[in-house]
Each structure stands twice: as structure tokens, then as C-alpha cells.
Amino acid sequence: MSGKLIHVLFQAVLLLVFFVVLTPLGYLLRALGTDYLAR
């Protein structure tokens, strides 16, 4: 039971890190994309 709980927690942390890394990356890509298109 505890092993399953650790697995679920690990997945949740992994997902959180994924979002924390992807969100600024997405904003940066969108900013670069709009800047490129505006030119």
C-alpha cells in the first residue's frame, strides 16, 4: 500500500515539475513566435 502511495506521489511531483518547466518555456516560445511574426 505504501509503495503505491509513493508511486502516486512521485507521479504528482513529476507532473508538477513538468508544468513548472513547460509554462515559462511556452510563454517564451509564444513571445519569440509573435516577435518573429510581427517582423
PDB file of N, CA and C in Angstrom:
ATOM      1  N   MET A   1       0.838  -1.204   0.000  1.00  0.00           N
ATOM      2  CA  MET A   1       0.000   0.000   0.000  1.00  0.00           C
ATOM      3  C   MET A   1       0.872   1.252   0.000  1.00  0.00           C
ATOM      4  N   SER A   2       1.874   1.267   0.863  1.00  0.00           N
ATOM      5  CA  SER A   2       2.745   2.438   0.958  1.00  0.00           C
ATOM      6  C   SER A   2       3.537   2.621  -0.338  1.00  0.00           C
ATOM      7  N   GLY A   3       3.876   1.493  -0.985  1.00  0.00           N
ATOM      8  CA  GLY A   3       4.607   1.574  -2.254  1.00  0.00           C
ATOM      9  C   GLY A   3       3.769   2.254  -3.319  1.00  0.00           C
ATOM     10  N   LYS A   4       2.461   1.947  -3.336  1.00  0.00           N
ATOM     11  CA  LYS A   4       1.554   2.560  -4.304  1.00  0.00           C
ATOM     12  C   LYS A   4       1.430   4.054  -4.040  1.00  0.00           C
ATOM     13  N   LEU A   5       1.374   4.411  -2.744  1.00  0.00           N
ATOM     14  CA  LEU A   5       1.248   5.816  -2.354  1.00  0.00           C
ATOM     15  C   LEU A   5       2.482   6.600  -2.812  1.00  0.00           C
ATOM     16  N   ILE A   6       3.666   6.010  -2.617  1.00  0.00           N
ATOM     17  CA  ILE A   6       4.915   6.652  -3.038  1.00  0.00           C
ATOM     18  C   ILE A   6       4.925   6.832  -4.552  1.00  0.00           C
ATOM     19  N   HIS A   7       4.410   5.823  -5.257  1.00  0.00           N
ATOM     20  CA  HIS A   7       4.365   5.889  -6.724  1.00  0.00           C
ATOM     21  C   HIS A   7       3.459   7.030  -7.188  1.00  0.00           C
ATOM     22  N   VAL A   8       2.297   7.162  -6.533  1.00  0.00           N
ATOM     23  CA  VAL A   8       1.344   8.227  -6.876  1.00  0.00           C
ATOM     24  C   VAL A   8       1.944   9.598  -6.574  1.00  0.00           C
ATOM     25  N   LEU A   9       2.610   9.716  -5.419  1.00  0.00           N
ATOM     26  CA  LEU A   9       3.248  10.980  -5.044  1.00  0.00           C
ATOM     27  C   LEU A   9       4.345  11.347  -6.039  1.00  0.00           C
ATOM     28  N   PHE A  10       5.113  10.329  -6.449  1.00  0.00           N
ATOM     29  CA  PHE A  10       6.198  10.542  -7.403  1.00  0.00           C
ATOM     30  C   PHE A  10       5.646  11.058  -8.734  1.00  0.00           C
ATOM     31  N   GLN A  11       4.529  10.459  -9.180  1.00  0.00           N
ATOM     32  CA  GLN A  11       3.910  10.897 -10.432  1.00  0.00           C
ATOM     33  C   GLN A  11       3.395  12.331 -10.321  1.00  0.00           C
ATOM     34  N   ALA A  12       2.816  12.660  -9.157  1.00  0.00           N
ATOM     35  CA  ALA A  12       2.288  14.008  -8.940  1.00  0.00           C
ATOM     36  C   ALA A  12       3.411  15.047  -8.969  1.00  0.00           C
ATOM     37  N   VAL A  13       4.525  14.732  -8.318  1.00  0.00           N
ATOM     38  CA  VAL A  13       5.674  15.645  -8.295  1.00  0.00           C
ATOM     39  C   VAL A  13       6.250  15.803  -9.695  1.00  0.00           C
ATOM     40  N   LEU A  14       6.321  14.690 -10.420  1.00  0.00           N
ATOM     41  CA  LEU A  14       6.843  14.709 -11.784  1.00  0.00           C
ATOM     42  C   LEU A  14       5.976  15.598 -12.669  1.00  0.00           C
ATOM     43  N   LEU A  15       4.659  15.475 -12.506  1.00  0.00           N
ATOM     44  CA  LEU A  15       3.717  16.278 -13.285  1.00  0.00           C
ATOM     45  C   LEU A  15       3.867  17.759 -12.940  1.00  0.00           C
ATOM     46  N   LEU A  16       4.054  18.046 -11.653  1.00  0.00           N
ATOM     47  CA  LEU A  16       4.209  19.428 -11.200  1.00  0.00           C
ATOM     48  C   LEU A  16       5.470  20.049 -11.802  1.00  0.00           C
ATOM     49  N   VAL A  17       6.580  19.293 -11.749  1.00  0.00           N
ATOM     50  CA  VAL A  17       7.848  19.768 -12.323  1.00  0.00           C
ATOM     51  C   VAL A  17       7.681  19.991 -13.826  1.00  0.00           C
ATOM     52  N   PHE A  18       6.969  19.067 -14.474  1.00  0.00           N
ATOM     53  CA  PHE A  18       6.712  19.159 -15.909  1.00  0.00           C
ATOM     54  C   PHE A  18       6.019  20.478 -16.254  1.00  0.00           C
ATOM     55  N   PHE A  19       4.963  20.812 -15.470  1.00  0.00           N
ATOM     56  CA  PHE A  19       4.215  22.051 -15.710  1.00  0.00           C
ATOM     57  C   PHE A  19       5.059  23.282 -15.406  1.00  0.00           C
ATOM     58  N   VAL A  20       5.830  23.230 -14.312  1.00  0.00           N
ATOM     59  CA  VAL A  20       6.666  24.372 -13.905  1.00  0.00           C
ATOM     60  C   VAL A  20       7.718  24.668 -14.973  1.00  0.00           C
ATOM     61  N   VAL A  21       8.227  23.609 -15.617  1.00  0.00           N
ATOM     62  CA  VAL A  21       9.241  23.792 -16.660  1.00  0.00           C
ATOM     63  C   VAL A  21       8.591  24.226 -17.975  1.00  0.00           C
ATOM     64  N   LEU A  22       7.434  23.633 -18.293  1.00  0.00           N
ATOM     65  CA  LEU A  22       6.792  23.905 -19.578  1.00  0.00           C
ATOM     66  C   LEU A  22       6.121  25.266 -19.662  1.00  0.00           C
ATOM     67  N   THR A  23       5.586  25.766 -18.550  1.00  0.00           N
ATOM     68  CA  THR A  23       4.859  27.036 -18.601  1.00  0.00           C
ATOM     69  C   THR A  23       5.743  28.217 -19.037  1.00  0.00           C
ATOM     70  N   PRO A  24       6.910  28.449 -18.405  1.00  0.00           N
ATOM     71  CA  PRO A  24       7.776  29.539 -18.865  1.00  0.00           C
ATOM     72  C   PRO A  24       8.281  29.282 -20.274  1.00  0.00           C
ATOM     73  N   LEU A  25       8.531  28.013 -20.597  1.00  0.00           N
ATOM     74  CA  LEU A  25       9.013  27.644 -21.930  1.00  0.00           C
ATOM     75  C   LEU A  25       7.959  27.999 -22.975  1.00  0.00           C
ATOM     76  N   GLY A  26       6.699  27.725 -22.665  1.00  0.00           N
ATOM     77  CA  GLY A  26       5.603  28.031 -23.577  1.00  0.00           C
ATOM     78  C   GLY A  26       5.459  29.536 -23.783  1.00  0.00           C
ATOM     79  N   TYR A  27       5.559  30.291 -22.685  1.00  0.00           N
ATOM     80  CA  TYR A  27       5.479  31.749 -22.781  1.00  0.00           C
ATOM     81  C   TYR A  27       6.620  32.302 -23.632  1.00  0.00           C
ATOM     82  N   LEU A  28       7.812  31.756 -23.421  1.00  0.00           N
ATOM     83  CA  LEU A  28       8.988  32.201 -24.158  1.00  0.00           C
ATOM     84  C   LEU A  28       8.828  31.909 -25.642  1.00  0.00           C
ATOM     85  N   LEU A  29       8.359  30.697 -25.949  1.00  0.00           N
ATOM     86  CA  LEU A  29       8.158  30.314 -27.349  1.00  0.00           C
ATOM     87  C   LEU A  29       7.084  31.184 -28.001  1.00  0.00           C
ATOM     88  N   ARG A  30       6.021  31.480 -27.251  1.00  0.00           N
ATOM     89  CA  ARG A  30       4.945  32.306 -27.800  1.00  0.00           C
ATOM     90  C   ARG A  30       5.441  33.730 -28.044  1.00  0.00           C
ATOM     91  N   ALA A  31       6.245  34.256 -27.100  1.00  0.00           N
ATOM     92  CA  ALA A  31       6.804  35.602 -27.243  1.00  0.00           C
ATOM     93  C   ALA A  31       7.734  35.661 -28.454  1.00  0.00           C
ATOM     94  N   LEU A  32       8.584  34.645 -28.591  1.00  0.00           N
ATOM     95  CA  LEU A  32       9.503  34.590 -29.717  1.00  0.00           C
ATOM     96  C   LEU A  32       8.729  34.441 -31.023  1.00  0.00           C
ATOM     97  N   GLY A  33       7.676  33.622 -31.000  1.00  0.00           N
ATOM     98  CA  GLY A  33       6.868  33.390 -32.201  1.00  0.00           C
ATOM     99  C   GLY A  33       6.166  34.653 -32.666  1.00  0.00           C
ATOM    100  N   THR A  34       5.554  35.390 -31.724  1.00  0.00           N
ATOM    101  CA  THR A  34       4.841  36.613 -32.078  1.00  0.00           C
ATOM    102  C   THR A  34       5.832  37.680 -32.553  1.00  0.00           C
ATOM    103  N   ASP A  35       6.995  37.718 -31.931  1.00  0.00           N
ATOM    104  CA  ASP A  35       8.025  38.674 -32.321  1.00  0.00           C
ATOM    105  C   ASP A  35       8.503  38.377 -33.743  1.00  0.00           C
ATOM    106  N   TYR A  36       8.643  37.094 -34.040  1.00  0.00           N
ATOM    107  CA  TYR A  36       9.090  36.663 -35.362  1.00  0.00           C
ATOM    108  C   TYR A  36       8.032  36.975 -36.421  1.00  0.00           C
ATOM    109  N   LEU A  37       6.766  36.770 -36.062  1.00  0.00           N
ATOM    110  CA  LEU A  37       5.669  37.015 -36.995  1.00  0.00           C
ATOM    111  C   LEU A  37       5.438  38.506 -37.198  1.00  0.00           C
ATOM    112  N   ALA A  38       5.701  39.310 -36.173  1.00  0.00           N
ATOM    113  CA  ALA A  38       5.467  40.755 -36.253  1.00  0.00           C
ATOM    114  C   ALA A  38       6.457  41.433 -37.196  1.00  0.00           C
ATOM    115  N   ARG A  39       7.614  40.786 -37.362  1.00  0.00           N
ATOM    116  CA  ARG A  39       8.645  41.397 -38.182  1.00  0.00           C
ATOM    117  C   ARG A  39       8.265  41.452 -39.659  1.00  0.00           C
TER     118      ARG A  39
END
